Amino acid sequence: MKDSLRPGLEHHLTFQVPVSKTVPALFPESAEFQAMPEVFATGFLVGLLEWACVQLVNPHLDWPAEQTVGTHIDVSHAAATPPGLHVTVTARLTEVDRRRLTFDVEARDEVDLISRGTHRRAVIDAERFNASVRTKAASSP
């Protein structure tokens, strides 16, 4: 991690919602999801919030040797966004505790505030993390 990774950093990410990021596309295997409205899915919203946080911190890491993984998310999803609208995420780094990072996140489409909350990520050594995942996969029955 570089010395520049400090609270107060902020990043904005704008994304136009395609049909492929709506509720029916979240789990095509789910009959229940297939019957739901074609609006931006909460699962994809969470990914977009994480993406903004990753983009915020990557210039302050030894990327790609150092990366971050999500460890906690606590956000609302307060308004529906139909395909075609743009969602802009604002991510603010609020705390750096060794390798633990905390962010305030907010997302708005062109009409509404759609999400607000907090997200935490951990800085990892990618090679060591991937080795651990491979070991876990090899040990599963």
Foldseek 3Di string as FASTA:
>chain_A
DAPPPDFFFKFKDKDAAALCQFQCNPDVVDPVSVPDDSWHDPVVVVVVQVVRVQVRCVVRDPPPQKGKDWDDWDKAFADTHHGGWMKMKMWGWHDDDPFKTKIWMWIDTPPGTGMTDMTMMGIDRVVVVVVVVVVVVVPDD
